[in-house]
Amino acid sequence: MLTGRLQLAEAGAKLPRRTSWVLTMENGKELRHYGERMDSRVYLVLPQELSLIPRFEEMGPDVLDPALTFDIFRQRLRRFPGQIKRALTNAAFVSGIGNAYADEILFEARIYPFEPSKNIPEEKLRELYEAIGRVYDWAVPIVAERTGEKIEIKVL
């Protein structure tokens, strides 16, 4: 969210300010990239070429993937014994949690951001895990409204 956005639009629709590129598709729609800082990167690769994207293979599972159960979440967290907020925003742990979402998730779970993850008891870890879904449920519609875009989260 801080470095760029993708937009799917009808060809010829008004371009967002600071559009950096437009990809016109066969169906006539346009995939556009724009953002304030203009320093993000987008990679267009075939599925068998994902390893060409820097650090892609190091990424953890998507935070909204139903396969990310509490047990897997807890097990993966063991590899990140430092501050819990750093763990949440580390894409090697789970991908998809940025700074702002991490703050909201930790507040929802009532966990101090600088608490070492290894010191958090299991019942609080479960609260943290459950807080992720609750925060995304209310936060995504707010982001969509403020950006004037339709945002839909689909778990594949």
N, C-alpha and C. Protein backbone atom coordinates (compact mmCIF):
# COMPACT_ATOMS: atom_id res chain seq x y z
N MET A 1 0.81 -1.19 0.00
CA MET A 1 0.00 0.00 0.00
C MET A 1 0.86 1.26 0.00
N LEU A 2 2.02 1.21 0.58
CA LEU A 2 2.84 2.41 0.66
C LEU A 2 3.61 2.69 -0.62
N THR A 3 3.85 1.69 -1.43
CA THR A 3 4.72 1.92 -2.58
C THR A 3 4.04 1.79 -3.92
N GLY A 4 2.85 1.31 -4.01
CA GLY A 4 2.20 1.25 -5.30
C GLY A 4 0.93 0.43 -5.27
N ARG A 5 0.12 0.63 -6.31
CA ARG A 5 -1.15 -0.07 -6.41
C ARG A 5 -1.35 -0.55 -7.82
N LEU A 6 -2.11 -1.62 -7.96
CA LEU A 6 -2.54 -2.10 -9.26
C LEU A 6 -4.01 -1.75 -9.44
N GLN A 7 -4.38 -1.43 -10.66
CA GLN A 7 -5.76 -1.11 -10.97
C GLN A 7 -6.14 -1.83 -12.26
N LEU A 8 -7.28 -2.49 -12.27
CA LEU A 8 -7.84 -3.08 -13.47
C LEU A 8 -8.94 -2.15 -13.93
N ALA A 9 -8.84 -1.64 -15.16
CA ALA A 9 -9.79 -0.62 -15.62
C ALA A 9 -10.13 -0.85 -17.09
N GLU A 10 -11.22 -0.22 -17.49
CA GLU A 10 -11.59 -0.22 -18.90
C GLU A 10 -10.58 0.63 -19.65
N ALA A 11 -10.26 0.23 -20.86
CA ALA A 11 -9.34 1.01 -21.69
C ALA A 11 -9.90 2.42 -21.88
N GLY A 12 -9.04 3.39 -21.76
CA GLY A 12 -9.44 4.78 -21.95
C GLY A 12 -9.98 5.47 -20.71
N ALA A 13 -10.22 4.72 -19.63
CA ALA A 13 -10.68 5.35 -18.39
C ALA A 13 -9.57 6.25 -17.85
N LYS A 14 -9.97 7.25 -17.08
CA LYS A 14 -9.00 8.21 -16.55
C LYS A 14 -7.89 7.48 -15.78
N LEU A 15 -6.67 7.87 -16.10
CA LEU A 15 -5.51 7.29 -15.41
C LEU A 15 -5.34 7.92 -14.04
N PRO A 16 -5.01 7.11 -13.04
CA PRO A 16 -4.68 7.68 -11.74
C PRO A 16 -3.42 8.54 -11.85
N ARG A 17 -3.34 9.52 -10.98
CA ARG A 17 -2.14 10.35 -10.92
C ARG A 17 -0.94 9.46 -10.62
N ARG A 18 0.16 9.74 -11.20
CA ARG A 18 1.43 9.03 -11.01
C ARG A 18 1.37 7.58 -11.48
N THR A 19 0.70 7.36 -12.60
CA THR A 19 0.69 6.04 -13.20
C THR A 19 2.06 5.80 -13.81
N SER A 20 2.65 4.66 -13.48
CA SER A 20 3.99 4.38 -14.00
C SER A 20 3.98 3.46 -15.22
N TRP A 21 2.95 2.61 -15.35
CA TRP A 21 2.84 1.79 -16.55
C TRP A 21 1.42 1.29 -16.71
N VAL A 22 1.10 0.92 -17.97
CA VAL A 22 -0.21 0.38 -18.33
C VAL A 22 0.02 -0.84 -19.21
N LEU A 23 -0.62 -1.94 -18.88
CA LEU A 23 -0.56 -3.15 -19.68
C LEU A 23 -1.95 -3.37 -20.26
N THR A 24 -2.06 -3.31 -21.59
CA THR A 24 -3.35 -3.52 -22.24
C THR A 24 -3.51 -5.01 -22.53
N MET A 25 -4.64 -5.56 -22.11
CA MET A 25 -4.89 -6.99 -22.27
C MET A 25 -5.74 -7.26 -23.50
N GLU A 26 -5.77 -8.51 -23.90
CA GLU A 26 -6.53 -8.91 -25.09
C GLU A 26 -8.01 -8.56 -24.97
N ASN A 27 -8.56 -8.58 -23.76
CA ASN A 27 -9.98 -8.29 -23.58
C ASN A 27 -10.28 -6.79 -23.58
N GLY A 28 -9.25 -5.97 -23.82
CA GLY A 28 -9.44 -4.53 -23.88
C GLY A 28 -9.28 -3.82 -22.54
N LYS A 29 -9.20 -4.57 -21.47
CA LYS A 29 -9.00 -3.93 -20.17
C LYS A 29 -7.53 -3.58 -20.00
N GLU A 30 -7.27 -2.70 -19.04
CA GLU A 30 -5.91 -2.28 -18.76
C GLU A 30 -5.55 -2.60 -17.31
N LEU A 31 -4.38 -3.12 -17.14
CA LEU A 31 -3.81 -3.30 -15.81
C LEU A 31 -2.80 -2.18 -15.64
N ARG A 32 -3.01 -1.37 -14.61
CA ARG A 32 -2.19 -0.17 -14.41
C ARG A 32 -1.49 -0.23 -13.06
N HIS A 33 -0.33 0.37 -13.03
CA HIS A 33 0.42 0.48 -11.78
C HIS A 33 0.63 1.97 -11.50
N TYR A 34 0.32 2.37 -10.28
CA TYR A 34 0.52 3.77 -9.89
C TYR A 34 0.83 3.86 -8.41
N GLY A 35 1.39 4.98 -8.01
CA GLY A 35 1.68 5.19 -6.60
C GLY A 35 2.41 6.50 -6.38
N GLU A 36 2.38 6.96 -5.16
CA GLU A 36 2.99 8.24 -4.80
C GLU A 36 4.51 8.20 -4.87
N ARG A 37 5.09 7.12 -4.40
CA ARG A 37 6.55 7.10 -4.26
C ARG A 37 7.26 6.62 -5.52
N MET A 38 6.56 5.93 -6.39
CA MET A 38 7.13 5.47 -7.67
C MET A 38 8.39 4.62 -7.47
N ASP A 39 8.48 3.90 -6.37
CA ASP A 39 9.68 3.09 -6.15
C ASP A 39 9.37 1.61 -5.95
N SER A 40 8.17 1.21 -6.31
CA SER A 40 7.84 -0.21 -6.19
C SER A 40 8.26 -0.95 -7.45
N ARG A 41 8.23 -2.27 -7.35
CA ARG A 41 8.60 -3.10 -8.48
C ARG A 41 7.47 -4.09 -8.74
N VAL A 42 7.27 -4.38 -9.99
CA VAL A 42 6.28 -5.37 -10.40
C VAL A 42 6.99 -6.35 -11.32
N TYR A 43 6.76 -7.63 -11.11
CA TYR A 43 7.35 -8.67 -11.93
C TYR A 43 6.25 -9.41 -12.66
N LEU A 44 6.40 -9.57 -13.94
CA LEU A 44 5.46 -10.34 -14.75
C LEU A 44 6.21 -11.56 -15.25
N VAL A 45 5.92 -12.70 -14.65
CA VAL A 45 6.64 -13.93 -14.99
C VAL A 45 5.65 -15.08 -15.12
N LEU A 46 6.05 -16.11 -15.81
CA LEU A 46 5.27 -17.34 -15.89
C LEU A 46 5.39 -18.08 -14.55
N PRO A 47 4.42 -18.92 -14.22
CA PRO A 47 4.48 -19.63 -12.93
C PRO A 47 5.79 -20.39 -12.72
N GLN A 48 6.34 -20.96 -13.76
CA GLN A 48 7.59 -21.71 -13.60
C GLN A 48 8.80 -20.79 -13.45
N GLU A 49 8.61 -19.49 -13.56
CA GLU A 49 9.70 -18.53 -13.44
C GLU A 49 9.66 -17.72 -12.13
N LEU A 50 8.81 -18.11 -11.19
CA LEU A 50 8.68 -17.35 -9.95
C LEU A 50 10.01 -17.22 -9.21
N SER A 51 10.90 -18.16 -9.38
CA SER A 51 12.20 -18.10 -8.71
C SER A 51 13.04 -16.92 -9.20
N LEU A 52 12.67 -16.32 -10.33
CA LEU A 52 13.40 -15.15 -10.84
C LEU A 52 13.11 -13.89 -10.02
N ILE A 53 12.03 -13.90 -9.27
CA ILE A 53 11.67 -12.74 -8.45
C ILE A 53 12.52 -12.77 -7.18
N PRO A 54 13.28 -11.70 -6.93
CA PRO A 54 14.13 -11.69 -5.73
C PRO A 54 13.34 -11.98 -4.46
N ARG A 55 13.84 -12.87 -3.66
CA ARG A 55 13.31 -13.26 -2.34
C ARG A 55 11.93 -13.92 -2.38
N PHE A 56 11.39 -14.21 -3.56
CA PHE A 56 10.07 -14.82 -3.64
C PHE A 56 10.03 -16.17 -2.93
N GLU A 57 11.06 -16.97 -3.15
CA GLU A 57 11.08 -18.31 -2.56
C GLU A 57 11.29 -18.29 -1.05
N GLU A 58 11.71 -17.15 -0.52
CA GLU A 58 11.91 -17.01 0.92
C GLU A 58 10.63 -16.60 1.64
N MET A 59 9.60 -16.21 0.88
CA MET A 59 8.37 -15.72 1.49
C MET A 59 7.60 -16.83 2.19
N GLY A 60 7.00 -16.45 3.30
CA GLY A 60 6.13 -17.38 4.01
C GLY A 60 4.77 -17.42 3.34
N PRO A 61 3.88 -18.22 3.88
CA PRO A 61 2.54 -18.32 3.30
C PRO A 61 1.78 -17.01 3.44
N ASP A 62 0.82 -16.81 2.54
CA ASP A 62 -0.03 -15.63 2.64
C ASP A 62 -0.83 -15.71 3.93
N VAL A 63 -0.92 -14.60 4.61
CA VAL A 63 -1.56 -14.57 5.92
C VAL A 63 -3.05 -14.96 5.85
N LEU A 64 -3.68 -14.79 4.69
CA LEU A 64 -5.09 -15.13 4.56
C LEU A 64 -5.34 -16.51 3.95
N ASP A 65 -4.29 -17.26 3.71
CA ASP A 65 -4.43 -18.60 3.14
C ASP A 65 -5.05 -19.52 4.19
N PRO A 66 -6.16 -20.18 3.88
CA PRO A 66 -6.79 -21.08 4.86
C PRO A 66 -5.87 -22.21 5.31
N ALA A 67 -4.86 -22.53 4.51
CA ALA A 67 -3.91 -23.58 4.90
C ALA A 67 -3.01 -23.13 6.06
N LEU A 68 -2.98 -21.82 6.33
CA LEU A 68 -2.19 -21.32 7.46
C LEU A 68 -3.01 -21.48 8.73
N THR A 69 -2.95 -22.66 9.31
CA THR A 69 -3.67 -22.95 10.54
C THR A 69 -2.93 -22.35 11.74
N PHE A 70 -3.58 -22.38 12.87
CA PHE A 70 -2.94 -21.88 14.08
C PHE A 70 -1.67 -22.69 14.38
N ASP A 71 -1.72 -24.00 14.22
CA ASP A 71 -0.55 -24.81 14.51
C ASP A 71 0.63 -24.46 13.60
N ILE A 72 0.36 -24.23 12.33
CA ILE A 72 1.43 -23.84 11.40
C ILE A 72 1.94 -22.46 11.76
N PHE A 73 1.03 -21.54 12.06
CA PHE A 73 1.38 -20.17 12.47
C PHE A 73 2.33 -20.21 13.66
N ARG A 74 1.95 -20.97 14.68
CA ARG A 74 2.75 -21.08 15.91
C ARG A 74 4.11 -21.71 15.63
N GLN A 75 4.10 -22.75 14.82
CA GLN A 75 5.35 -23.44 14.48
C GLN A 75 6.29 -22.52 13.71
N ARG A 76 5.78 -21.78 12.73
CA ARG A 76 6.61 -20.87 11.94
C ARG A 76 7.17 -19.74 12.81
N LEU A 77 6.37 -19.28 13.77
CA LEU A 77 6.78 -18.17 14.63
C LEU A 77 8.01 -18.53 15.47
N ARG A 78 8.22 -19.78 15.75
CA ARG A 78 9.38 -20.20 16.55
C ARG A 78 10.70 -19.78 15.91
N ARG A 79 10.72 -19.63 14.59
CA ARG A 79 11.94 -19.23 13.89
C ARG A 79 12.20 -17.73 14.00
N PHE A 80 11.29 -16.99 14.65
CA PHE A 80 11.41 -15.53 14.76
C PHE A 80 11.26 -15.11 16.22
N PRO A 81 12.30 -15.32 17.03
CA PRO A 81 12.18 -15.09 18.48
C PRO A 81 12.24 -13.63 18.90
N GLY A 82 12.49 -12.72 17.99
CA GLY A 82 12.58 -11.30 18.34
C GLY A 82 11.23 -10.67 18.58
N GLN A 83 11.17 -9.35 18.44
CA GLN A 83 9.94 -8.59 18.70
C GLN A 83 8.81 -9.10 17.81
N ILE A 84 7.64 -9.24 18.41
CA ILE A 84 6.51 -9.82 17.69
C ILE A 84 6.10 -8.96 16.50
N LYS A 85 6.19 -7.65 16.60
CA LYS A 85 5.82 -6.82 15.45
C LYS A 85 6.77 -7.06 14.28
N ARG A 86 8.04 -7.20 14.57
CA ARG A 86 9.01 -7.50 13.50
C ARG A 86 8.69 -8.83 12.84
N ALA A 87 8.30 -9.79 13.63
CA ALA A 87 7.95 -11.10 13.06
C ALA A 87 6.74 -10.97 12.15
N LEU A 88 5.71 -10.28 12.61
CA LEU A 88 4.49 -10.14 11.81
C LEU A 88 4.74 -9.45 10.46
N THR A 89 5.64 -8.49 10.44
CA THR A 89 5.90 -7.75 9.20
C THR A 89 7.01 -8.37 8.36
N ASN A 90 7.56 -9.48 8.82
CA ASN A 90 8.62 -10.16 8.09
C ASN A 90 7.98 -11.14 7.11
N ALA A 91 8.14 -10.90 5.82
CA ALA A 91 7.52 -11.74 4.80
C ALA A 91 8.04 -13.18 4.82
N ALA A 92 9.17 -13.41 5.46
CA ALA A 92 9.66 -14.79 5.58
C ALA A 92 8.80 -15.58 6.57
N PHE A 93 8.16 -14.89 7.50
CA PHE A 93 7.26 -15.55 8.46
C PHE A 93 5.91 -15.79 7.80
N VAL A 94 5.21 -14.72 7.47
CA VAL A 94 3.98 -14.76 6.68
C VAL A 94 3.99 -13.54 5.78
N SER A 95 3.40 -13.67 4.62
CA SER A 95 3.36 -12.52 3.72
C SER A 95 2.00 -11.85 3.80
N GLY A 96 2.00 -10.55 3.63
CA GLY A 96 0.74 -9.81 3.56
C GLY A 96 0.43 -8.93 4.75
N ILE A 97 1.31 -8.86 5.74
CA ILE A 97 1.07 -7.98 6.89
C ILE A 97 2.08 -6.85 6.84
N GLY A 98 1.59 -5.65 6.59
CA GLY A 98 2.44 -4.47 6.60
C GLY A 98 2.43 -3.82 7.97
N ASN A 99 3.11 -2.71 8.08
CA ASN A 99 3.26 -2.00 9.35
C ASN A 99 1.92 -1.61 9.97
N ALA A 100 1.05 -0.99 9.19
CA ALA A 100 -0.23 -0.52 9.73
C ALA A 100 -1.10 -1.69 10.19
N TYR A 101 -1.18 -2.74 9.37
CA TYR A 101 -1.97 -3.90 9.77
C TYR A 101 -1.39 -4.56 11.02
N ALA A 102 -0.08 -4.63 11.12
CA ALA A 102 0.55 -5.23 12.30
C ALA A 102 0.14 -4.47 13.56
N ASP A 103 0.16 -3.15 13.50
CA ASP A 103 -0.25 -2.36 14.66
C ASP A 103 -1.68 -2.68 15.08
N GLU A 104 -2.57 -2.73 14.10
CA GLU A 104 -3.98 -3.01 14.40
C GLU A 104 -4.17 -4.42 14.95
N ILE A 105 -3.48 -5.37 14.37
CA ILE A 105 -3.58 -6.77 14.82
C ILE A 105 -3.09 -6.90 16.25
N LEU A 106 -1.96 -6.29 16.55
CA LEU A 106 -1.42 -6.38 17.91
C LEU A 106 -2.31 -5.67 18.91
N PHE A 107 -2.88 -4.53 18.52
CA PHE A 107 -3.80 -3.83 19.40
C PHE A 107 -5.04 -4.69 19.67
N GLU A 108 -5.57 -5.29 18.62
CA GLU A 108 -6.74 -6.16 18.75
C GLU A 108 -6.46 -7.33 19.69
N ALA A 109 -5.26 -7.88 19.61
CA ALA A 109 -4.89 -9.03 20.45
C ALA A 109 -4.37 -8.60 21.82
N ARG A 110 -4.22 -7.30 22.02
CA ARG A 110 -3.69 -6.76 23.28
C ARG A 110 -2.30 -7.31 23.59
N ILE A 111 -1.44 -7.21 22.57
CA ILE A 111 -0.05 -7.67 22.73
C ILE A 111 0.88 -6.49 22.45
N TYR A 112 1.82 -6.27 23.33
CA TYR A 112 2.81 -5.21 23.20
C TYR A 112 3.69 -5.49 21.98
N PRO A 113 3.83 -4.54 21.05
CA PRO A 113 4.57 -4.78 19.80
C PRO A 113 6.03 -5.20 19.99
N PHE A 114 6.64 -4.78 21.08
CA PHE A 114 8.06 -5.08 21.29
C PHE A 114 8.29 -6.32 22.15
N GLU A 115 7.21 -7.00 22.49
CA GLU A 115 7.32 -8.24 23.26
C GLU A 115 8.03 -9.30 22.41
N PRO A 116 9.05 -9.96 22.96
CA PRO A 116 9.66 -11.05 22.20
C PRO A 116 8.63 -12.15 21.93
N SER A 117 8.58 -12.61 20.72
CA SER A 117 7.57 -13.61 20.36
C SER A 117 7.71 -14.87 21.21
N LYS A 118 8.93 -15.21 21.60
CA LYS A 118 9.14 -16.43 22.40
C LYS A 118 8.54 -16.31 23.80
N ASN A 119 8.22 -15.09 24.25
CA ASN A 119 7.65 -14.89 25.58
C ASN A 119 6.12 -14.88 25.59
N ILE A 120 5.51 -14.98 24.43
CA ILE A 120 4.05 -14.89 24.36
C ILE A 120 3.44 -16.27 24.62
N PRO A 121 2.59 -16.38 25.64
CA PRO A 121 1.99 -17.68 25.94
C PRO A 121 1.04 -18.15 24.81
N GLU A 122 0.81 -19.42 24.77
CA GLU A 122 0.02 -20.01 23.68
C GLU A 122 -1.37 -19.40 23.56
N GLU A 123 -2.02 -19.13 24.66
CA GLU A 123 -3.38 -18.55 24.56
C GLU A 123 -3.35 -17.15 23.94
N LYS A 124 -2.29 -16.39 24.21
CA LYS A 124 -2.16 -15.06 23.57
C LYS A 124 -1.78 -15.21 22.09
N LEU A 125 -1.01 -16.24 21.75
CA LEU A 125 -0.70 -16.50 20.35
C LEU A 125 -1.96 -16.83 19.57
N ARG A 126 -2.85 -17.59 20.21
CA ARG A 126 -4.12 -17.91 19.55
C ARG A 126 -4.94 -16.63 19.34
N GLU A 127 -4.96 -15.76 20.34
CA GLU A 127 -5.65 -14.47 20.19
C GLU A 127 -5.05 -13.66 19.04
N LEU A 128 -3.73 -13.68 18.94
CA LEU A 128 -3.05 -12.98 17.86
C LEU A 128 -3.46 -13.54 16.51
N TYR A 129 -3.43 -14.84 16.39
CA TYR A 129 -3.80 -15.52 15.15
C TYR A 129 -5.25 -15.16 14.76
N GLU A 130 -6.15 -15.18 15.69
CA GLU A 130 -7.55 -14.87 15.41
C GLU A 130 -7.77 -13.39 15.13
N ALA A 131 -6.94 -12.54 15.73
CA ALA A 131 -7.05 -11.09 15.51
C ALA A 131 -6.73 -10.73 14.06
N ILE A 132 -5.89 -11.51 13.41
CA ILE A 132 -5.53 -11.22 12.02
C ILE A 132 -6.78 -11.20 11.15
N GLY A 133 -7.58 -12.24 11.24
CA GLY A 133 -8.81 -12.31 10.44
C GLY A 133 -9.79 -11.20 10.78
N ARG A 134 -9.94 -10.92 12.08
CA ARG A 134 -10.87 -9.87 12.49
C ARG A 134 -10.45 -8.51 11.94
N VAL A 135 -9.15 -8.22 12.02
CA VAL A 135 -8.66 -6.92 11.53
C VAL A 135 -8.84 -6.80 10.02
N TYR A 136 -8.49 -7.83 9.28
CA TYR A 136 -8.65 -7.76 7.82
C TYR A 136 -10.12 -7.62 7.45
N ASP A 137 -11.02 -8.24 8.22
CA ASP A 137 -12.45 -8.13 7.93
C ASP A 137 -12.94 -6.69 7.97
N TRP A 138 -12.48 -5.89 8.96
CA TRP A 138 -12.96 -4.53 9.03
C TRP A 138 -12.05 -3.53 8.33
N ALA A 139 -10.75 -3.83 8.23
CA ALA A 139 -9.81 -2.85 7.68
C ALA A 139 -9.86 -2.77 6.16
N VAL A 140 -10.00 -3.88 5.48
CA VAL A 140 -9.99 -3.87 4.01
C VAL A 140 -11.10 -2.99 3.45
N PRO A 141 -12.35 -3.07 3.95
CA PRO A 141 -13.37 -2.17 3.43
C PRO A 141 -13.06 -0.68 3.67
N ILE A 142 -12.39 -0.37 4.75
CA ILE A 142 -12.02 1.03 5.02
C ILE A 142 -10.99 1.50 4.00
N VAL A 143 -9.99 0.68 3.72
CA VAL A 143 -8.98 1.03 2.72
C VAL A 143 -9.64 1.20 1.36
N ALA A 144 -10.56 0.31 1.03
CA ALA A 144 -11.26 0.40 -0.26
C ALA A 144 -12.03 1.71 -0.36
N GLU A 145 -12.72 2.07 0.70
CA GLU A 145 -13.50 3.31 0.68
C GLU A 145 -12.60 4.54 0.55
N ARG A 146 -11.52 4.56 1.28
CA ARG A 146 -10.63 5.73 1.27
C ARG A 146 -9.86 5.87 -0.04
N THR A 147 -9.59 4.76 -0.70
CA THR A 147 -8.86 4.83 -1.97
C THR A 147 -9.82 4.93 -3.15
N GLY A 148 -11.11 4.76 -2.89
CA GLY A 148 -12.09 4.83 -3.96
C GLY A 148 -12.02 3.63 -4.89
N GLU A 149 -11.51 2.53 -4.40
CA GLU A 149 -11.36 1.34 -5.23
C GLU A 149 -12.10 0.18 -4.61
N LYS A 150 -12.52 -0.72 -5.48
CA LYS A 150 -13.13 -1.95 -5.01
C LYS A 150 -12.00 -2.92 -4.70
N ILE A 151 -11.93 -3.34 -3.46
CA ILE A 151 -10.90 -4.29 -3.06
C ILE A 151 -11.61 -5.56 -2.64
N GLU A 152 -11.21 -6.63 -3.22
CA GLU A 152 -11.81 -7.92 -2.91
C GLU A 152 -10.70 -8.89 -2.57
N ILE A 153 -10.83 -9.55 -1.45
CA ILE A 153 -9.84 -10.53 -1.06
C ILE A 153 -10.42 -11.90 -1.39
N LYS A 154 -9.69 -12.62 -2.22
CA LYS A 154 -10.10 -13.98 -2.56
C LYS A 154 -9.01 -14.93 -2.13
N VAL A 155 -9.41 -15.95 -1.43
CA VAL A 155 -8.47 -16.99 -1.07
C VAL A 155 -8.60 -18.07 -2.10
N LEU A 156 -7.50 -18.37 -2.77
CA LEU A 156 -7.53 -19.36 -3.85
C LEU A 156 -7.43 -20.77 -3.32
